[in-house]
C-alpha atoms as a PDB file:
ATOM      1  CA  MET A   1      16.096  -4.858 -16.546  1.00  0.00           C
ATOM      2  CA  TYR A   2      12.298  -4.915 -17.664  1.00  0.00           C
ATOM      3  CA  PRO A   3       9.415  -6.563 -15.605  1.00  0.00           C
ATOM      4  CA  ALA A   4       8.069 -10.148 -17.127  1.00  0.00           C
ATOM      5  CA  ALA A   5       5.388  -9.159 -19.300  1.00  0.00           C
ATOM      6  CA  PHE A   6       1.431  -9.679 -16.832  1.00  0.00           C
ATOM      7  CA  GLU A   7      -2.224  -8.236 -17.728  1.00  0.00           C
ATOM      8  CA  TYR A   8      -2.796  -5.035 -15.428  1.00  0.00           C
ATOM      9  CA  HIS A   9      -6.116  -5.085 -13.468  1.00  0.00           C
ATOM     10  CA  ALA A  10      -7.795  -2.240 -11.921  1.00  0.00           C
ATOM     11  CA  PRO A  11     -10.306  -3.480  -9.689  1.00  0.00           C
ATOM     12  CA  ALA A  12     -12.918  -1.072  -9.034  1.00  0.00           C
ATOM     13  CA  SER A  13     -14.352  -2.006  -5.355  1.00  0.00           C
ATOM     14  CA  VAL A  14     -13.860  -4.341  -2.885  1.00  0.00           C
ATOM     15  CA  ARG A  15     -15.495  -7.411  -4.316  1.00  0.00           C
ATOM     16  CA  GLU A  16     -13.788  -6.318  -7.161  1.00  0.00           C
ATOM     17  CA  ALA A  17     -10.565  -6.731  -6.448  1.00  0.00           C
ATOM     18  CA  LEU A  18     -11.839  -9.632  -3.976  1.00  0.00           C
ATOM     19  CA  GLY A  19     -12.697 -11.697  -7.246  1.00  0.00           C
ATOM     20  CA  LEU A  20      -9.499 -11.047  -9.243  1.00  0.00           C
ATOM     21  CA  LEU A  21      -7.906 -12.735  -6.595  1.00  0.00           C
ATOM     22  CA  GLY A  22      -9.487 -15.509  -6.422  1.00  0.00           C
ATOM     23  CA  GLN A  23      -9.088 -16.025  -9.327  1.00  0.00           C
ATOM     24  CA  TYR A  24      -5.609 -15.789 -10.209  1.00  0.00           C
ATOM     25  CA  LYS A  25      -4.390 -16.396  -6.477  1.00  0.00           C
ATOM     26  CA  ASP A  26      -1.340 -16.873  -6.100  1.00  0.00           C
ATOM     27  CA  ASP A  27      -0.231 -15.076  -9.817  1.00  0.00           C
ATOM     28  CA  ALA A  28      -1.592 -12.589  -8.703  1.00  0.00           C
ATOM     29  CA  LYS A  29       0.006  -9.447  -7.427  1.00  0.00           C
ATOM     30  CA  LEU A  30      -1.424  -6.426  -5.280  1.00  0.00           C
ATOM     31  CA  LEU A  31       0.225  -3.033  -5.618  1.00  0.00           C
ATOM     32  CA  ALA A  32      -0.682  -0.735  -3.646  1.00  0.00           C
ATOM     33  CA  GLY A  33       1.776   2.288  -4.442  1.00  0.00           C
ATOM     34  CA  GLY A  34       4.394   0.127  -5.798  1.00  0.00           C
ATOM     35  CA  HIS A  35       7.741   1.490  -3.455  1.00  0.00           C
ATOM     36  CA  SER A  36       8.810  -2.341  -2.918  1.00  0.00           C
ATOM     37  CA  LEU A  37       6.769  -4.092  -6.049  1.00  0.00           C
ATOM     38  CA  VAL A  38       8.167  -3.216  -8.787  1.00  0.00           C
ATOM     39  CA  PRO A  39      12.113  -2.725  -8.232  1.00  0.00           C
ATOM     40  CA  MET A  40      11.406  -6.771  -7.007  1.00  0.00           C
ATOM     41  CA  MET A  41       9.197  -6.658 -10.088  1.00  0.00           C
ATOM     42  CA  LYS A  42      11.976  -5.674 -12.665  1.00  0.00           C
ATOM     43  CA  LEU A  43      14.631  -7.094 -10.355  1.00  0.00           C
ATOM     44  CA  ARG A  44      13.015 -10.477 -12.115  1.00  0.00           C
ATOM     45  CA  LEU A  45      12.370 -10.836  -8.294  1.00  0.00           C
ATOM     46  CA  ALA A  46       9.147 -11.371  -8.134  1.00  0.00           C
ATOM     47  CA  GLN A  47       6.856 -11.470 -11.809  1.00  0.00           C
ATOM     48  CA  PRO A  48       3.147 -12.267 -11.739  1.00  0.00           C
ATOM     49  CA  LYS A  49       1.240 -12.789 -14.341  1.00  0.00           C
ATOM     50  CA  HIS A  50      -1.904 -10.921 -13.334  1.00  0.00           C
ATOM     51  CA  LEU A  51      -0.906  -7.271 -10.497  1.00  0.00           C
ATOM     52  CA  ILE A  52      -4.334  -6.116  -9.482  1.00  0.00           C
ATOM     53  CA  ASP A  53      -3.682  -2.140  -8.908  1.00  0.00           C
ATOM     54  CA  LEU A  54      -5.681  -0.716  -5.669  1.00  0.00           C
ATOM     55  CA  LYS A  55      -6.096   2.502  -6.467  1.00  0.00           C
ATOM     56  CA  LYS A  56      -8.799   3.117  -8.033  1.00  0.00           C
ATOM     57  CA  ILE A  57     -10.547   1.695  -4.534  1.00  0.00           C
ATOM     58  CA  PRO A  58     -12.699   4.525  -3.368  1.00  0.00           C
ATOM     59  CA  GLY A  59     -12.312   4.564   1.329  1.00  0.00           C
ATOM     60  CA  LEU A  60      -9.605   2.604   1.379  1.00  0.00           C
ATOM     61  CA  SER A  61      -7.385   6.056   1.854  1.00  0.00           C
ATOM     62  CA  TYR A  62      -8.678   7.108   5.468  1.00  0.00           C
ATOM     63  CA  ILE A  63      -7.862   7.844   9.345  1.00  0.00           C
ATOM     64  CA  LYS A  64     -10.027   8.090  12.045  1.00  0.00           C
ATOM     65  CA  GLU A  65     -11.043   8.554  14.972  1.00  0.00           C
ATOM     66  CA  ASP A  66     -13.810   5.481  15.454  1.00  0.00           C
ATOM     67  CA  GLY A  67     -15.330   4.221  19.040  1.00  0.00           C
ATOM     68  CA  GLY A  68     -12.496   5.536  20.750  1.00  0.00           C
ATOM     69  CA  ALA A  69     -10.212   3.867  18.511  1.00  0.00           C
ATOM     70  CA  ILE A  70      -8.115   5.332  15.646  1.00  0.00           C
ATOM     71  CA  ALA A  71      -8.420   3.575  12.653  1.00  0.00           C
ATOM     72  CA  ILE A  72      -5.747   3.243   8.998  1.00  0.00           C
ATOM     73  CA  GLY A  73      -7.002   2.281   6.068  1.00  0.00           C
ATOM     74  CA  ALA A  74      -4.535   0.206   3.995  1.00  0.00           C
ATOM     75  CA  MET A  75      -4.433   3.011   0.829  1.00  0.00           C
ATOM     76  CA  THR A  76      -3.247   5.569   3.207  1.00  0.00           C
ATOM     77  CA  THR A  77      -0.028   6.713   2.295  1.00  0.00           C
ATOM     78  CA  HIS A  78       2.753   7.090   5.795  1.00  0.00           C
ATOM     79  CA  TRP A  79       2.535  10.570   4.184  1.00  0.00           C
ATOM     80  CA  GLN A  80      -0.841  10.782   5.187  1.00  0.00           C
ATOM     81  CA  VAL A  81       0.032   9.047   8.978  1.00  0.00           C
ATOM     82  CA  GLU A  82       2.642  11.929   9.205  1.00  0.00           C
ATOM     83  CA  SER A  83       0.315  14.818   8.238  1.00  0.00           C
ATOM     84  CA  SER A  84      -3.018  13.687   9.734  1.00  0.00           C
ATOM     85  CA  ALA A  85      -3.639  16.546  12.573  1.00  0.00           C
ATOM     86  CA  LEU A  86      -6.195  13.417  14.810  1.00  0.00           C
ATOM     87  CA  LEU A  87      -2.796  11.902  15.231  1.00  0.00           C
ATOM     88  CA  LYS A  88      -0.486  14.343  15.095  1.00  0.00           C
ATOM     89  CA  GLN A  89      -2.933  15.181  18.570  1.00  0.00           C
ATOM     90  CA  LYS A  90      -3.736  10.984  19.820  1.00  0.00           C
ATOM     91  CA  CYS A  91      -0.774   9.239  18.879  1.00  0.00           C
ATOM     92  CA  PRO A  92       2.102  11.431  17.960  1.00  0.00           C
ATOM     93  CA  VAL A  93       5.205   8.969  17.682  1.00  0.00           C
ATOM     94  CA  LEU A  94       2.729   7.851  14.532  1.00  0.00           C
ATOM     95  CA  SER A  95       3.534  11.049  12.475  1.00  0.00           C
ATOM     96  CA  GLU A  96       6.624  11.756  14.552  1.00  0.00           C
ATOM     97  CA  THR A  97       7.677   7.360  13.265  1.00  0.00           C
ATOM     98  CA  ALA A  98       6.467   7.838  10.081  1.00  0.00           C
ATOM     99  CA  ALA A  99       7.985  11.067   8.912  1.00  0.00           C
ATOM    100  CA  VAL A 100      10.786   9.662   8.987  1.00  0.00           C
ATOM    101  CA  ILE A 101       9.822   6.847   7.370  1.00  0.00           C
ATOM    102  CA  GLY A 102      12.455   6.713   3.162  1.00  0.00           C
ATOM    103  CA  ASP A 103      12.384   9.282   2.300  1.00  0.00           C
ATOM    104  CA  PRO A 104       9.756  12.160   0.956  1.00  0.00           C
ATOM    105  CA  ALA A 105       9.032  10.205  -1.944  1.00  0.00           C
ATOM    106  CA  VAL A 106       8.527   6.511  -0.495  1.00  0.00           C
ATOM    107  CA  ARG A 107       6.508   8.851   1.700  1.00  0.00           C
ATOM    108  CA  ASN A 108       3.851  10.297  -0.385  1.00  0.00           C
ATOM    109  CA  LEU A 109       3.472   6.573  -2.450  1.00  0.00           C
ATOM    110  CA  GLY A 110       4.444   4.143  -0.005  1.00  0.00           C
ATOM    111  CA  THR A 111       1.355   2.707   1.567  1.00  0.00           C
ATOM    112  CA  ILE A 112       0.570   1.962   5.114  1.00  0.00           C
ATOM    113  CA  GLY A 113      -1.306  -1.505   4.015  1.00  0.00           C
ATOM    114  CA  GLY A 114       1.736  -2.092   1.454  1.00  0.00           C
ATOM    115  CA  SER A 115       4.376  -1.539   3.675  1.00  0.00           C
ATOM    116  CA  LEU A 116       2.863  -4.346   6.803  1.00  0.00           C
ATOM    117  CA  ALA A 117       1.507  -7.001   3.326  1.00  0.00           C
ATOM    118  CA  HIS A 118       5.448  -6.822   1.509  1.00  0.00           C
ATOM    119  CA  ALA A 119       7.264  -7.448   5.494  1.00  0.00           C
ATOM    120  CA  ASP A 120      11.077  -6.890   3.792  1.00  0.00           C
ATOM    121  CA  PRO A 121      12.965  -6.280   7.435  1.00  0.00           C
ATOM    122  CA  ALA A 122      15.279  -4.579   5.731  1.00  0.00           C
ATOM    123  CA  ALA A 123      12.545  -0.978   4.324  1.00  0.00           C
ATOM    124  CA  ASP A 124      12.354   2.342   6.082  1.00  0.00           C
END
C-alpha cells in the first residue's frame, strides 16, 4: 500500500524545523531514520499531512564527552553508538546494546531520537 499524500519539508536548521512544527502542529510528523514511521505511513496507520525530514539539519548527530557527561545527539544512528570508541571506553553497555538492535540496515538508519520519540514497545 502507498502512503496518503503529504507535503515534504527538509529544513536546514533547528529554527526552521521548529517553525514548521509550530505552523503545522498535529498535522506534521518528524522524520529521522524512517524505519518506524514510513512503514506506518504505508499501512496508513500514520497519515501526516506534513513530513518534516531532519536529515539535513547539521549538528544533531554526535557522541561527545561534555563536562564529565556523555552527550548523544538525537540524529545519532544506532550504528554510530555501536561503533563509538568513546562509548566503548566510557560506557560499553551502550555500544554493546546497540550492536543487538535489529539488523545492520536498522542500525544504519535508525536514530536514537527516533527510537525514543516513537516509543514502540515491540520495536527492537
